[in-house]
Amino acid sequence: MGYATGMYWSKNIPADFDIDADNDGVVEPVHEFQLDLSRIAARAIGYQASMMAGYKLHSVKVGIRPVDDSFDNDMCTQFAGLIDMYPATEHAAKALSLARKVEKADEASQVDADSLFLRTSDRYTGFRYGWSSGDDDGPVHKTGNSIAGMAEQWYLNEIFDVYEFMTDENKERALFGGRAPEQMSVGWSCGWNTMSDFAEASPRYAGQFMDSETKVSLNVLPLLRGQVKYSSSDETGLVDDDYRLWVEVEFTPEAGGAF
């Protein structure tokens, strides 16, 4: 995975956007990427899809493909990690709507090119956000934030932290804390077996890919995070073969309705 439309390496970005096996099998630091379903939908369908809506997620498929370069020494390799998401619950919608109202109030006295509602430029003004304020990259056109003590743009981790504090009532025997949505995750594991001498005796293993596909049926917020956490181990000092991460997402945009 390089930078396809709506797909971004977002933290601990690998060199040349390629991943390779780790010596002890634990990838440190963890490579993170994000999938902006609203931008993917906008590019595919041709309209300004909103981040302020629930999206019906049907499946996530993850695989790796070899890079055509001078290092082709791996017989096979395996990677594993997580796809993280937030459910589009009633309280997720309330938290994001409150953040948008705060931004509107903060800009009530502004009329300039950067204002979300009153502006001097001709641009789309939908409320857009990132995953975490600690990210190196992420969705384009995130809404600016001038609230003291917060990042300069809006991020889900900060929005939900504030909402969790607001709604934590500490009721006796409650099975929850605050009402901010809890992050959910699904695991993935995929691999690739390269053509080799071994493959001559067993041709069914030649160039074989092993993609991971997870079927789900969930209404989620349209920003997903992926993590590359584990790999097959290799010899210390070995120059690794490089691989591109391949991600396919099946979803219905704005199926959960706008917030």
Protein backbone atom coordinates (compact mmCIF):
# COMPACT_ATOMS: atom_id res chain seq x y z
CA MET A 1 0.00 0.00 0.00
CA GLY A 2 1.39 3.36 -1.01
CA TYR A 3 -1.02 6.26 -0.88
CA ALA A 4 -4.16 5.23 -2.71
CA THR A 5 -7.20 7.48 -2.58
CA GLY A 6 -8.54 7.37 0.96
CA MET A 7 -5.80 5.05 2.24
CA TYR A 8 -2.87 6.48 4.20
CA TRP A 9 0.11 5.28 6.17
CA SER A 10 -0.51 7.33 9.30
CA LYS A 11 2.09 6.50 11.98
CA ASN A 12 5.57 4.95 11.98
CA ILE A 13 5.41 5.11 8.20
CA PRO A 14 7.62 2.44 6.58
CA ALA A 15 10.37 3.50 4.19
CA ASP A 16 9.08 3.68 0.59
CA PHE A 17 5.71 2.50 2.02
CA ASP A 18 7.01 -1.11 1.95
CA ILE A 19 6.93 -3.52 4.91
CA ASP A 20 9.39 -6.31 5.66
CA ALA A 21 9.73 -9.11 8.20
CA ASP A 22 11.00 -8.37 11.70
CA ASN A 23 13.91 -10.26 13.28
CA ASP A 24 11.91 -11.48 16.30
CA GLY A 25 8.46 -11.43 14.68
CA VAL A 26 7.16 -8.44 16.66
CA VAL A 27 7.01 -5.27 14.55
CA GLU A 28 8.31 -2.34 16.60
CA PRO A 29 7.28 0.35 16.26
CA VAL A 30 3.90 -0.78 14.94
CA HIS A 31 3.12 0.52 11.44
CA GLU A 32 -0.32 2.16 11.30
CA PHE A 33 -2.52 3.02 8.33
CA GLN A 34 -5.98 4.52 7.92
CA LEU A 35 -8.91 3.99 5.58
CA ASP A 36 -11.14 7.02 4.98
CA LEU A 37 -14.33 5.42 3.66
CA SER A 38 -15.88 8.83 2.94
CA ARG A 39 -13.12 9.76 0.52
CA ILE A 40 -13.10 6.30 -1.06
CA ALA A 41 -16.87 6.60 -1.60
CA ALA A 42 -16.59 10.17 -2.92
CA ARG A 43 -14.00 9.13 -5.50
CA ALA A 44 -15.90 6.01 -6.57
CA ILE A 45 -19.42 7.45 -6.68
CA GLY A 46 -18.71 11.09 -7.52
CA TYR A 47 -20.30 13.08 -4.70
CA GLN A 48 -19.15 14.69 -1.45
CA ALA A 49 -19.64 11.77 0.97
CA SER A 50 -19.88 12.83 4.60
CA MET A 51 -17.86 11.75 7.63
CA MET A 52 -20.87 12.67 9.77
CA ALA A 53 -22.74 9.44 9.08
CA GLY A 54 -22.69 5.73 9.81
CA TYR A 55 -21.29 3.45 7.10
CA LYS A 56 -22.32 -0.20 6.80
CA LEU A 57 -19.15 -2.29 6.80
CA HIS A 58 -19.48 -5.69 5.10
CA SER A 59 -15.94 -7.07 4.81
CA VAL A 60 -12.26 -6.21 5.11
CA LYS A 61 -9.64 -8.13 3.13
CA VAL A 62 -5.90 -7.69 3.76
CA GLY A 63 -3.04 -9.17 1.76
CA ILE A 64 0.58 -8.55 0.79
CA ARG A 65 2.23 -8.51 -2.61
CA PRO A 66 5.99 -8.58 -3.35
CA VAL A 67 7.77 -5.48 -4.59
CA ASP A 68 9.75 -5.77 -7.82
CA ASP A 69 13.21 -4.73 -6.62
CA SER A 70 16.72 -6.20 -6.26
CA PHE A 71 16.00 -8.04 -3.00
CA ASP A 72 14.11 -11.26 -3.73
CA ASN A 73 15.42 -13.64 -1.11
CA ASP A 74 12.38 -14.69 0.90
CA MET A 75 10.78 -18.06 0.23
CA CYS A 76 7.70 -16.95 2.12
CA THR A 77 6.58 -14.48 4.76
CA GLN A 78 3.59 -13.77 6.97
CA PHE A 79 2.18 -10.61 8.56
CA ALA A 80 -0.60 -10.05 11.09
CA GLY A 81 -2.30 -7.15 12.80
CA LEU A 82 -5.59 -5.43 13.55
CA ILE A 83 -8.26 -3.31 11.88
CA ASP A 84 -9.69 -0.87 14.44
CA MET A 85 -13.03 0.91 14.16
CA TYR A 86 -15.63 2.81 16.16
CA PRO A 87 -19.30 1.74 16.03
CA ALA A 88 -21.68 4.46 14.83
CA THR A 89 -23.68 4.44 18.07
CA GLU A 90 -26.15 7.09 19.19
CA HIS A 91 -23.52 8.52 21.51
CA ALA A 92 -20.87 8.55 18.77
CA ALA A 93 -23.27 10.69 16.75
CA LYS A 94 -23.92 12.97 19.75
CA ALA A 95 -20.19 13.39 20.45
CA LEU A 96 -19.40 14.34 16.86
CA SER A 97 -22.44 16.63 16.65
CA LEU A 98 -21.30 18.41 19.83
CA ALA A 99 -17.82 18.87 18.39
CA ARG A 100 -19.34 20.39 15.25
CA LYS A 101 -21.50 22.73 17.37
CA VAL A 102 -18.45 23.82 19.36
CA GLU A 103 -16.61 24.56 16.13
CA LYS A 104 -19.58 26.54 14.83
CA ALA A 105 -19.78 28.59 18.03
CA ASP A 106 -16.04 29.18 18.03
CA GLU A 107 -16.19 30.56 14.49
CA ALA A 108 -19.40 32.58 14.97
CA SER A 109 -17.48 35.86 14.88
CA GLN A 110 -15.19 34.89 12.01
CA VAL A 111 -15.66 35.51 8.32
CA ASP A 112 -12.51 34.40 6.51
CA ALA A 113 -11.23 31.77 4.10
CA ASP A 114 -10.79 29.20 6.88
CA SER A 115 -14.19 29.47 8.60
CA LEU A 116 -16.30 26.34 8.66
CA PHE A 117 -19.69 28.04 8.17
CA LEU A 118 -19.15 31.71 7.21
CA ARG A 119 -16.28 32.09 4.77
CA THR A 120 -14.83 34.06 1.90
CA SER A 121 -13.75 31.01 -0.12
CA ASP A 122 -15.84 28.67 -2.26
CA ARG A 123 -15.31 25.25 -0.68
CA TYR A 124 -17.08 22.30 0.89
CA THR A 125 -17.60 22.77 4.62
CA GLY A 126 -18.44 19.32 5.98
CA PHE A 127 -17.03 18.47 9.41
CA ARG A 128 -14.00 16.19 8.96
CA TYR A 129 -11.74 14.60 11.55
CA GLY A 130 -8.69 12.38 12.03
CA TRP A 131 -8.14 9.30 14.19
CA SER A 132 -5.60 10.45 16.78
CA SER A 133 -3.80 13.71 17.53
CA GLY A 134 -0.52 11.74 17.58
CA ASP A 135 -0.74 10.65 13.94
CA ASP A 136 1.85 11.63 11.33
CA ASP A 137 -0.68 11.64 8.48
CA GLY A 138 -4.35 10.89 7.84
CA PRO A 139 -7.50 12.09 6.08
CA VAL A 140 -7.31 15.22 3.97
CA HIS A 141 -9.18 18.45 4.74
CA LYS A 142 -9.59 17.86 8.48
CA THR A 143 -11.55 20.65 10.16
CA GLY A 144 -9.37 23.12 12.05
CA ASN A 145 -9.71 23.38 15.83
CA SER A 146 -8.69 26.42 17.88
CA ILE A 147 -9.92 25.15 21.27
CA ALA A 148 -7.26 25.65 23.95
CA GLY A 149 -5.61 22.42 25.11
CA MET A 150 -6.56 20.45 21.99
CA ALA A 151 -4.83 19.75 18.69
CA GLU A 152 -5.08 22.20 15.80
CA GLN A 153 -7.49 19.86 13.99
CA TRP A 154 -10.32 17.65 15.23
CA TYR A 155 -9.51 14.03 16.15
CA LEU A 156 -11.69 11.17 17.36
CA ASN A 157 -9.53 10.39 20.40
CA GLU A 158 -9.91 13.92 21.77
CA ILE A 159 -13.61 14.19 20.93
CA PHE A 160 -14.42 10.88 22.65
CA ASP A 161 -12.17 11.60 25.66
CA VAL A 162 -14.11 14.79 26.34
CA TYR A 163 -17.47 13.11 25.77
CA GLU A 164 -16.50 10.21 28.06
CA PHE A 165 -15.70 12.69 30.83
CA MET A 166 -19.00 14.53 30.27
CA THR A 167 -21.15 11.39 30.47
CA ASP A 168 -19.37 9.37 33.19
CA GLU A 169 -21.95 9.34 35.98
CA ASN A 170 -20.42 6.59 38.15
CA LYS A 171 -23.80 4.97 38.78
CA GLU A 172 -23.89 1.98 41.12
CA ARG A 173 -23.80 -1.40 39.32
CA ALA A 174 -23.43 0.23 35.91
CA LEU A 175 -21.90 -2.05 33.28
CA PHE A 176 -20.24 0.88 31.53
CA GLY A 177 -18.30 4.03 32.36
CA GLY A 178 -19.00 7.00 30.16
CA ARG A 179 -20.99 6.71 26.99
CA ALA A 180 -18.32 7.37 24.38
CA PRO A 181 -18.14 4.46 21.90
CA GLU A 182 -15.57 1.76 22.61
CA GLN A 183 -13.04 0.99 19.91
CA MET A 184 -13.58 -2.41 18.27
CA SER A 185 -10.99 -4.47 16.43
CA VAL A 186 -10.83 -7.45 14.08
CA GLY A 187 -7.63 -9.39 13.49
CA TRP A 188 -6.02 -10.16 10.15
CA SER A 189 -3.21 -12.48 9.08
CA CYS A 190 -1.89 -12.81 5.54
CA GLY A 191 1.13 -14.12 3.69
CA TRP A 192 2.92 -14.73 0.43
CA ASN A 193 4.94 -17.68 -0.88
CA THR A 194 7.42 -16.72 -3.58
CA MET A 195 8.52 -18.91 -6.50
CA SER A 196 11.60 -20.85 -5.40
CA ASP A 197 13.57 -24.09 -5.90
CA PHE A 198 11.25 -25.68 -3.38
CA ALA A 199 8.34 -24.76 -5.65
CA GLU A 200 9.73 -26.92 -8.48
CA ALA A 201 9.00 -30.02 -6.46
CA SER A 202 5.71 -28.65 -5.16
CA PRO A 203 4.30 -26.29 -7.81
CA ARG A 204 1.12 -25.66 -5.85
CA TYR A 205 3.23 -23.47 -3.53
CA ALA A 206 4.64 -21.24 -6.28
CA GLY A 207 3.63 -17.58 -5.97
CA GLN A 208 0.78 -18.41 -3.64
CA PHE A 209 -0.93 -15.61 -1.74
CA MET A 210 -2.82 -16.09 1.50
CA ASP A 211 -5.14 -13.11 2.01
CA SER A 212 -7.15 -12.55 5.15
CA GLU A 213 -10.85 -11.71 4.80
CA THR A 214 -13.15 -10.81 7.69
CA LYS A 215 -16.90 -10.69 7.09
CA VAL A 216 -18.80 -8.28 9.33
CA SER A 217 -22.13 -6.48 9.39
CA LEU A 218 -21.61 -3.31 11.39
CA ASN A 219 -22.52 0.36 11.23
CA VAL A 220 -19.24 2.14 11.86
CA LEU A 221 -17.75 5.61 11.61
CA PRO A 222 -16.13 6.04 8.19
CA LEU A 223 -12.55 6.16 9.48
CA LEU A 224 -10.77 2.86 10.16
CA ARG A 225 -7.27 2.28 11.49
CA GLY A 226 -5.05 -0.68 10.62
CA GLN A 227 -2.01 -1.94 12.49
CA VAL A 228 0.87 -4.10 11.26
CA LYS A 229 1.96 -5.78 14.52
CA TYR A 230 3.56 -9.16 13.75
CA SER A 231 5.51 -10.96 11.05
CA SER A 232 7.34 -14.21 10.45
CA SER A 233 10.82 -13.84 11.94
CA ASP A 234 14.00 -13.73 9.91
CA GLU A 235 17.75 -13.87 10.40
CA THR A 236 19.35 -10.86 12.08
CA GLY A 237 21.24 -8.77 9.53
CA LEU A 238 19.49 -10.30 6.55
CA VAL A 239 18.45 -7.84 3.83
CA ASP A 240 14.72 -8.44 3.70
CA ASP A 241 12.43 -8.73 0.75
CA ASP A 242 9.89 -5.89 0.61
CA TYR A 243 6.13 -6.18 0.39
CA ARG A 244 3.24 -3.85 -0.31
CA LEU A 245 0.17 -4.06 1.88
CA TRP A 246 -3.04 -4.61 -0.08
CA VAL A 247 -6.42 -3.72 1.47
CA GLU A 248 -9.92 -4.19 0.06
CA VAL A 249 -13.00 -2.89 1.89
CA GLU A 250 -16.63 -3.62 1.05
CA PHE A 251 -19.10 -1.12 2.52
CA THR A 252 -22.27 0.89 1.93
CA PRO A 253 -21.70 4.66 2.36
CA GLU A 254 -23.94 6.63 4.71
CA ALA A 255 -26.18 3.60 5.28
CA GLY A 256 -26.62 4.52 8.94
CA GLY A 257 -27.96 7.98 8.13
CA ALA A 258 -26.42 11.41 8.70
CA PHE A 259 -25.74 12.78 12.19
